[in-house]
Amino acid sequence: MENNTILVIDDDKNILAIIEMYLKKEEYNVKTCERGDLALQLFRETQPALVVLDVMLPGMDGWEVLGQLRAESSVPVIMLTAKGDTLDRIQGLDLGADDYIVKPFDAKELLARIKAVLRRAGQPEGESERQVSFEGLVISLDNYSVMLDGRQVEMPPKEIELLYFLASREGKVFTREQLLEQVWGFDFFGDSRTVDVHVKRIREKLGEREAWQIKTVWGVGYKFEAMK
């Protein structure tokens, strides 16, 4: 049976009630938590398909919760923040969040973002295999996995999608704006630094390779280049 559990972590009971109401109307199984220090145990018990995580929490703030989640799971995470500061958004993305939304927000927009992230994190079946391979590297969107020298590299769905998009178009240069549109979608309210953060994280996880690399094309954007 498909996992449709959403874990929502926020210390505002009203916000929890609104989000829970909208999600249950869409037949999601909803679990809620008001404290950061209790959230990790609930996550382990429920194994949700997606986490909605507030930044300001008692017991343990959202950044620390996100960091610990990423240490043990690549589950999609959408951050809730009361601040519109770009630094907050970049911090969340740098820690591995898949998306963010600023309070106050429209519950319908949050629902749309949840559906979009779950759609991207799914494992669609199709006749053609969505997989690319290079020396020591296999990237698959069929099972959302990245294999490096035979071992799986833990990456959130968005990092895998960005890596696959670039690698499947080897040698082609894309601007940051093009990558935002193609990988995040036209409805993503981000800025170009979002791309930089994700490329940085991918490079850190894959390390330096002579056979292939994500190259920065100064003044333009990025490309995946395989050595001939």
C-alpha atoms as a PDB file:
ATOM      1  CA  MET A   1       0.000   0.000   0.000  1.00  0.00           C
ATOM      2  CA  GLU A   2       1.292   3.432  -0.895  1.00  0.00           C
ATOM      3  CA  ASN A   3       2.599   5.461   2.037  1.00  0.00           C
ATOM      4  CA  ASN A   4       0.417   8.559   2.365  1.00  0.00           C
ATOM      5  CA  THR A   5       1.447   9.646   5.873  1.00  0.00           C
ATOM      6  CA  ILE A   6       2.414  13.290   6.360  1.00  0.00           C
ATOM      7  CA  LEU A   7       4.140  14.388   9.580  1.00  0.00           C
ATOM      8  CA  VAL A   8       3.471  18.052  10.443  1.00  0.00           C
ATOM      9  CA  ILE A   9       5.657  19.652  13.138  1.00  0.00           C
ATOM     10  CA  ASP A  10       4.599  23.102  14.393  1.00  0.00           C
ATOM     11  CA  ASP A  11       4.052  24.590  17.848  1.00  0.00           C
ATOM     12  CA  ASP A  12       0.993  26.568  16.718  1.00  0.00           C
ATOM     13  CA  LYS A  13      -2.114  24.468  17.382  1.00  0.00           C
ATOM     14  CA  ASN A  14      -4.210  26.560  14.970  1.00  0.00           C
ATOM     15  CA  ILE A  15      -1.778  26.009  12.113  1.00  0.00           C
ATOM     16  CA  LEU A  16      -1.642  22.284  12.871  1.00  0.00           C
ATOM     17  CA  ALA A  17      -5.440  22.085  12.833  1.00  0.00           C
ATOM     18  CA  ILE A  18      -5.732  23.915   9.500  1.00  0.00           C
ATOM     19  CA  ILE A  19      -3.038  21.836   7.786  1.00  0.00           C
ATOM     20  CA  GLU A  20      -4.484  18.609   9.194  1.00  0.00           C
ATOM     21  CA  MET A  21      -7.977  19.513   7.976  1.00  0.00           C
ATOM     22  CA  TYR A  22      -6.814  20.236   4.410  1.00  0.00           C
ATOM     23  CA  LEU A  23      -4.652  17.125   4.236  1.00  0.00           C
ATOM     24  CA  LYS A  24      -7.342  14.819   5.587  1.00  0.00           C
ATOM     25  CA  LYS A  25      -9.762  16.162   2.976  1.00  0.00           C
ATOM     26  CA  GLU A  26      -7.267  14.857   0.423  1.00  0.00           C
ATOM     27  CA  GLU A  27      -7.229  11.505   2.275  1.00  0.00           C
ATOM     28  CA  TYR A  28      -3.711  11.804   3.664  1.00  0.00           C
ATOM     29  CA  ASN A  29      -2.892  10.136   6.961  1.00  0.00           C
ATOM     30  CA  VAL A  30      -1.725  13.015   9.176  1.00  0.00           C
ATOM     31  CA  LYS A  31       0.479  12.900  12.258  1.00  0.00           C
ATOM     32  CA  THR A  32       1.214  16.089  14.214  1.00  0.00           C
ATOM     33  CA  CYS A  33       3.797  17.169  16.753  1.00  0.00           C
ATOM     34  CA  GLU A  34       4.309  20.445  18.634  1.00  0.00           C
ATOM     35  CA  ARG A  35       7.883  19.986  19.878  1.00  0.00           C
ATOM     36  CA  GLY A  36      11.154  19.539  18.050  1.00  0.00           C
ATOM     37  CA  ASP A  37      12.615  17.243  20.685  1.00  0.00           C
ATOM     38  CA  LEU A  38       9.695  14.807  20.254  1.00  0.00           C
ATOM     39  CA  ALA A  39       9.535  15.021  16.469  1.00  0.00           C
ATOM     40  CA  LEU A  40      12.390  12.629  15.691  1.00  0.00           C
ATOM     41  CA  GLN A  41      10.924   9.773  17.711  1.00  0.00           C
ATOM     42  CA  LEU A  42       7.518  10.283  16.077  1.00  0.00           C
ATOM     43  CA  PHE A  43       9.225  10.323  12.679  1.00  0.00           C
ATOM     44  CA  ARG A  44      10.891   6.988  13.394  1.00  0.00           C
ATOM     45  CA  GLU A  45       7.621   5.485  14.602  1.00  0.00           C
ATOM     46  CA  THR A  46       5.484   6.671  11.683  1.00  0.00           C
ATOM     47  CA  GLN A  47       7.994   6.631   8.766  1.00  0.00           C
ATOM     48  CA  PRO A  48       6.065   9.349   6.867  1.00  0.00           C
ATOM     49  CA  ALA A  49       6.240   9.982   3.141  1.00  0.00           C
ATOM     50  CA  LEU A  50       6.860  13.701   3.771  1.00  0.00           C
ATOM     51  CA  VAL A  51       7.568  16.066   6.681  1.00  0.00           C
ATOM     52  CA  VAL A  52       6.269  19.626   7.062  1.00  0.00           C
ATOM     53  CA  LEU A  53       8.628  21.275   9.539  1.00  0.00           C
ATOM     54  CA  ASP A  54       8.416  24.649  11.275  1.00  0.00           C
ATOM     55  CA  VAL A  55      11.641  26.492  12.096  1.00  0.00           C
ATOM     56  CA  MET A  56      10.688  27.937  15.484  1.00  0.00           C
ATOM     57  CA  LEU A  57       9.984  25.010  17.828  1.00  0.00           C
ATOM     58  CA  PRO A  58      10.338  24.387  21.565  1.00  0.00           C
ATOM     59  CA  GLY A  59      12.790  21.730  22.738  1.00  0.00           C
ATOM     60  CA  MET A  60      14.779  21.684  19.486  1.00  0.00           C
ATOM     61  CA  ASP A  61      14.528  24.134  16.613  1.00  0.00           C
ATOM     62  CA  GLY A  62      13.622  23.137  13.078  1.00  0.00           C
ATOM     63  CA  TRP A  63      17.172  23.480  11.759  1.00  0.00           C
ATOM     64  CA  GLU A  64      18.456  20.907  14.252  1.00  0.00           C
ATOM     65  CA  VAL A  65      15.520  18.593  13.557  1.00  0.00           C
ATOM     66  CA  LEU A  66      16.202  18.848   9.818  1.00  0.00           C
ATOM     67  CA  GLY A  67      19.896  18.140  10.318  1.00  0.00           C
ATOM     68  CA  GLN A  68      19.144  14.996  12.313  1.00  0.00           C
ATOM     69  CA  LEU A  69      16.503  13.891   9.814  1.00  0.00           C
ATOM     70  CA  ARG A  70      19.015  14.208   7.003  1.00  0.00           C
ATOM     71  CA  ALA A  71      21.553  12.187   8.972  1.00  0.00           C
ATOM     72  CA  GLU A  72      19.246   9.172   8.814  1.00  0.00           C
ATOM     73  CA  SER A  73      16.770   9.716   5.961  1.00  0.00           C
ATOM     74  CA  SER A  74      16.222  11.341   2.578  1.00  0.00           C
ATOM     75  CA  VAL A  75      12.482  11.823   3.229  1.00  0.00           C
ATOM     76  CA  PRO A  76      11.178  15.005   1.526  1.00  0.00           C
ATOM     77  CA  VAL A  77      10.947  17.984   3.911  1.00  0.00           C
ATOM     78  CA  ILE A  78       9.064  21.256   3.414  1.00  0.00           C
ATOM     79  CA  MET A  79      10.132  23.999   5.826  1.00  0.00           C
ATOM     80  CA  LEU A  80       7.731  26.518   7.343  1.00  0.00           C
ATOM     81  CA  THR A  81       9.257  29.823   8.391  1.00  0.00           C
ATOM     82  CA  ALA A  82       7.853  33.094   9.689  1.00  0.00           C
ATOM     83  CA  LYS A  83      10.766  34.934   8.131  1.00  0.00           C
ATOM     84  CA  GLY A  84      11.133  35.946   4.517  1.00  0.00           C
ATOM     85  CA  ASP A  85      14.890  36.407   4.880  1.00  0.00           C
ATOM     86  CA  THR A  86      16.820  34.836   2.009  1.00  0.00           C
ATOM     87  CA  LEU A  87      19.458  33.620   4.468  1.00  0.00           C
ATOM     88  CA  ASP A  88      16.833  31.532   6.253  1.00  0.00           C
ATOM     89  CA  ARG A  89      15.721  29.999   2.972  1.00  0.00           C
ATOM     90  CA  ILE A  90      19.285  29.241   1.926  1.00  0.00           C
ATOM     91  CA  GLN A  91      20.038  27.720   5.331  1.00  0.00           C
ATOM     92  CA  GLY A  92      17.089  25.376   4.973  1.00  0.00           C
ATOM     93  CA  LEU A  93      18.089  24.326   1.473  1.00  0.00           C
ATOM     94  CA  ASP A  94      21.720  23.959   2.528  1.00  0.00           C
ATOM     95  CA  LEU A  95      20.633  21.564   5.289  1.00  0.00           C
ATOM     96  CA  GLY A  96      18.667  19.492   2.782  1.00  0.00           C
ATOM     97  CA  ALA A  97      15.113  20.838   2.715  1.00  0.00           C
ATOM     98  CA  ASP A  98      13.242  20.143  -0.527  1.00  0.00           C
ATOM     99  CA  ASP A  99      11.069  23.261  -0.431  1.00  0.00           C
ATOM    100  CA  TYR A 100      10.013  26.041   1.915  1.00  0.00           C
ATOM    101  CA  ILE A 101       7.012  28.259   2.431  1.00  0.00           C
ATOM    102  CA  VAL A 102       6.844  31.532   4.368  1.00  0.00           C
ATOM    103  CA  LYS A 103       4.188  32.247   6.996  1.00  0.00           C
ATOM    104  CA  PRO A 104       1.498  33.417   6.734  1.00  0.00           C
ATOM    105  CA  PHE A 105       0.663  31.078   3.860  1.00  0.00           C
ATOM    106  CA  ASP A 106      -2.396  29.882   2.007  1.00  0.00           C
ATOM    107  CA  ALA A 107      -3.197  26.288   2.991  1.00  0.00           C
ATOM    108  CA  LYS A 108      -4.054  25.528  -0.638  1.00  0.00           C
ATOM    109  CA  GLU A 109      -0.564  26.609  -1.697  1.00  0.00           C
ATOM    110  CA  LEU A 110       1.009  24.370   0.941  1.00  0.00           C
ATOM    111  CA  LEU A 111      -1.172  21.481  -0.248  1.00  0.00           C
ATOM    112  CA  ALA A 112      -0.069  22.082  -3.838  1.00  0.00           C
ATOM    113  CA  ARG A 113       3.581  22.109  -2.799  1.00  0.00           C
ATOM    114  CA  ILE A 114       3.146  18.900  -0.792  1.00  0.00           C
ATOM    115  CA  LYS A 115       1.599  17.175  -3.803  1.00  0.00           C
ATOM    116  CA  ALA A 116       4.369  18.451  -6.090  1.00  0.00           C
ATOM    117  CA  VAL A 117       7.161  17.280  -3.777  1.00  0.00           C
ATOM    118  CA  LEU A 118       5.511  13.875  -3.294  1.00  0.00           C
ATOM    119  CA  ARG A 119       5.068  13.566  -7.041  1.00  0.00           C
ATOM    120  CA  ARG A 120       8.748  14.286  -7.583  1.00  0.00           C
ATOM    121  CA  ALA A 121       9.758  11.889  -4.815  1.00  0.00           C
ATOM    122  CA  GLY A 122       7.583   9.074  -6.193  1.00  0.00           C
ATOM    123  CA  GLN A 123       8.743   6.109  -8.156  1.00  0.00           C
ATOM    124  CA  PRO A 124       6.824   6.272 -11.428  1.00  0.00           C
ATOM    125  CA  GLU A 125       6.638   3.223 -13.625  1.00  0.00           C
ATOM    126  CA  GLY A 126       7.145   3.528 -17.332  1.00  0.00           C
ATOM    127  CA  GLU A 127       8.261   1.646 -20.382  1.00  0.00           C
ATOM    128  CA  SER A 128      11.556   3.501 -20.713  1.00  0.00           C
ATOM    129  CA  GLU A 129      14.155   3.374 -17.955  1.00  0.00           C
ATOM    130  CA  ARG A 130      15.065   6.813 -16.665  1.00  0.00           C
ATOM    131  CA  GLN A 131      18.677   6.107 -15.833  1.00  0.00           C
ATOM    132  CA  VAL A 132      22.056   7.467 -16.881  1.00  0.00           C
ATOM    133  CA  SER A 133      25.459   5.938 -16.215  1.00  0.00           C
ATOM    134  CA  PHE A 134      29.023   7.187 -16.240  1.00  0.00           C
ATOM    135  CA  GLU A 135      32.235   5.701 -14.879  1.00  0.00           C
ATOM    136  CA  GLY A 136      31.408   4.569 -11.340  1.00  0.00           C
ATOM    137  CA  LEU A 137      28.153   6.578 -11.291  1.00  0.00           C
ATOM    138  CA  VAL A 138      24.558   5.477 -11.894  1.00  0.00           C
ATOM    139  CA  ILE A 139      21.668   7.948 -11.498  1.00  0.00           C
ATOM    140  CA  SER A 140      18.121   6.592 -11.658  1.00  0.00           C
ATOM    141  CA  LEU A 141      14.804   8.410 -11.496  1.00  0.00           C
ATOM    142  CA  ASP A 142      12.928   5.104 -11.620  1.00  0.00           C
ATOM    143  CA  ASN A 143      13.863   4.394  -8.020  1.00  0.00           C
ATOM    144  CA  TYR A 144      15.353   7.797  -7.107  1.00  0.00           C
ATOM    145  CA  SER A 145      18.807   6.460  -6.369  1.00  0.00           C
ATOM    146  CA  VAL A 146      22.401   7.496  -6.955  1.00  0.00           C
ATOM    147  CA  MET A 147      25.040   4.753  -6.915  1.00  0.00           C
ATOM    148  CA  LEU A 148      28.712   5.700  -6.623  1.00  0.00           C
ATOM    149  CA  ASP A 149      31.248   2.888  -7.005  1.00  0.00           C
ATOM    150  CA  GLY A 150      28.549   0.371  -6.137  1.00  0.00           C
ATOM    151  CA  ARG A 151      27.273   2.054  -2.986  1.00  0.00           C
ATOM    152  CA  GLN A 152      24.166   4.171  -2.630  1.00  0.00           C
ATOM    153  CA  VAL A 153      24.631   7.875  -1.965  1.00  0.00           C
ATOM    154  CA  GLU A 154      21.908   9.378   0.228  1.00  0.00           C
ATOM    155  CA  MET A 155      20.380  12.397  -1.499  1.00  0.00           C
ATOM    156  CA  PRO A 156      17.036  14.184  -1.146  1.00  0.00           C
ATOM    157  CA  PRO A 157      14.795  13.917  -4.239  1.00  0.00           C
ATOM    158  CA  LYS A 158      15.598  17.428  -5.459  1.00  0.00           C
ATOM    159  CA  GLU A 159      19.349  16.805  -5.533  1.00  0.00           C
ATOM    160  CA  ILE A 160      18.785  13.577  -7.473  1.00  0.00           C
ATOM    161  CA  GLU A 161      16.527  15.357  -9.966  1.00  0.00           C
ATOM    162  CA  LEU A 162      19.037  18.158 -10.518  1.00  0.00           C
ATOM    163  CA  LEU A 163      21.912  15.709 -10.953  1.00  0.00           C
ATOM    164  CA  TYR A 164      19.874  13.551 -13.343  1.00  0.00           C
ATOM    165  CA  PHE A 165      18.733  16.561 -15.361  1.00  0.00           C
ATOM    166  CA  LEU A 166      22.304  17.770 -15.905  1.00  0.00           C
ATOM    167  CA  ALA A 167      23.847  14.329 -16.424  1.00  0.00           C
ATOM    168  CA  SER A 168      21.176  13.217 -18.895  1.00  0.00           C
ATOM    169  CA  ARG A 169      22.037  16.282 -20.983  1.00  0.00           C
ATOM    170  CA  GLU A 170      25.794  15.835 -20.761  1.00  0.00           C
ATOM    171  CA  GLY A 171      27.787  18.737 -22.164  1.00  0.00           C
ATOM    172  CA  LYS A 172      24.873  21.171 -22.365  1.00  0.00           C
ATOM    173  CA  VAL A 173      25.084  24.398 -20.371  1.00  0.00           C
ATOM    174  CA  PHE A 174      22.055  25.616 -18.404  1.00  0.00           C
ATOM    175  CA  THR A 175      21.543  28.927 -16.675  1.00  0.00           C
ATOM    176  CA  ARG A 176      20.380  28.934 -13.068  1.00  0.00           C
ATOM    177  CA  GLU A 177      17.004  30.278 -14.201  1.00  0.00           C
ATOM    178  CA  GLN A 178      16.613  27.410 -16.675  1.00  0.00           C
ATOM    179  CA  LEU A 179      17.432  24.876 -13.972  1.00  0.00           C
ATOM    180  CA  LEU A 180      14.923  26.454 -11.586  1.00  0.00           C
ATOM    181  CA  GLU A 181      12.238  26.230 -14.247  1.00  0.00           C
ATOM    182  CA  GLN A 182      13.065  22.711 -15.431  1.00  0.00           C
ATOM    183  CA  VAL A 183      13.874  21.023 -12.113  1.00  0.00           C
ATOM    184  CA  TRP A 184      11.863  22.984  -9.557  1.00  0.00           C
ATOM    185  CA  GLY A 185       8.973  23.936 -11.816  1.00  0.00           C
ATOM    186  CA  PHE A 186       7.466  27.237 -12.884  1.00  0.00           C
ATOM    187  CA  ASP A 187       5.572  27.558  -9.589  1.00  0.00           C
ATOM    188  CA  PHE A 188       8.701  27.506  -7.421  1.00  0.00           C
ATOM    189  CA  PHE A 189       9.237  30.848  -5.705  1.00  0.00           C
ATOM    190  CA  GLY A 190      12.986  30.576  -5.326  1.00  0.00           C
ATOM    191  CA  ASP A 191      16.044  32.451  -6.478  1.00  0.00           C
ATOM    192  CA  SER A 192      19.156  31.432  -8.366  1.00  0.00           C
ATOM    193  CA  ARG A 193      21.121  30.742  -5.181  1.00  0.00           C
ATOM    194  CA  THR A 194      18.862  27.738  -4.626  1.00  0.00           C
ATOM    195  CA  VAL A 195      20.632  26.069  -7.554  1.00  0.00           C
ATOM    196  CA  ASP A 196      24.075  26.966  -6.200  1.00  0.00           C
ATOM    197  CA  VAL A 197      23.252  25.403  -2.822  1.00  0.00           C
ATOM    198  CA  HIS A 198      22.092  22.139  -4.383  1.00  0.00           C
ATOM    199  CA  VAL A 199      25.091  21.903  -6.727  1.00  0.00           C
ATOM    200  CA  LYS A 200      27.405  22.457  -3.742  1.00  0.00           C
ATOM    201  CA  ARG A 201      25.745  19.639  -1.799  1.00  0.00           C
ATOM    202  CA  ILE A 202      25.878  17.246  -4.767  1.00  0.00           C
ATOM    203  CA  ARG A 203      29.580  17.967  -5.293  1.00  0.00           C
ATOM    204  CA  GLU A 204      30.306  17.345  -1.619  1.00  0.00           C
ATOM    205  CA  LYS A 205      28.572  13.958  -1.750  1.00  0.00           C
ATOM    206  CA  LEU A 206      30.113  12.771  -5.023  1.00  0.00           C
ATOM    207  CA  GLY A 207      33.610  14.126  -4.442  1.00  0.00           C
ATOM    208  CA  GLU A 208      36.200  14.986  -7.072  1.00  0.00           C
ATOM    209  CA  ARG A 209      36.283  12.807 -10.186  1.00  0.00           C
ATOM    210  CA  GLU A 210      38.460  12.971 -13.280  1.00  0.00           C
ATOM    211  CA  ALA A 211      35.983  11.017 -15.407  1.00  0.00           C
ATOM    212  CA  TRP A 212      33.053  13.418 -14.906  1.00  0.00           C
ATOM    213  CA  GLN A 213      32.005  16.487 -12.960  1.00  0.00           C
ATOM    214  CA  ILE A 214      29.461  19.262 -12.654  1.00  0.00           C
ATOM    215  CA  LYS A 215      31.301  22.252 -14.051  1.00  0.00           C
ATOM    216  CA  THR A 216      30.578  25.896 -13.345  1.00  0.00           C
ATOM    217  CA  VAL A 217      30.403  27.942 -16.522  1.00  0.00           C
ATOM    218  CA  TRP A 218      31.204  31.384 -15.175  1.00  0.00           C
ATOM    219  CA  GLY A 219      28.675  34.047 -16.031  1.00  0.00           C
ATOM    220  CA  VAL A 220      26.242  31.444 -17.389  1.00  0.00           C
ATOM    221  CA  GLY A 221      25.438  28.482 -15.136  1.00  0.00           C
ATOM    222  CA  TYR A 222      26.296  24.774 -14.922  1.00  0.00           C
ATOM    223  CA  LYS A 223      26.868  21.697 -17.064  1.00  0.00           C
ATOM    224  CA  PHE A 224      27.652  18.037 -16.459  1.00  0.00           C
ATOM    225  CA  GLU A 225      30.802  17.111 -18.340  1.00  0.00           C
ATOM    226  CA  ALA A 226      32.205  13.657 -18.972  1.00  0.00           C
ATOM    227  CA  MET A 227      35.841  13.444 -19.971  1.00  0.00           C
ATOM    228  CA  LYS A 228      36.350  11.997 -23.435  1.00  0.00           C
END
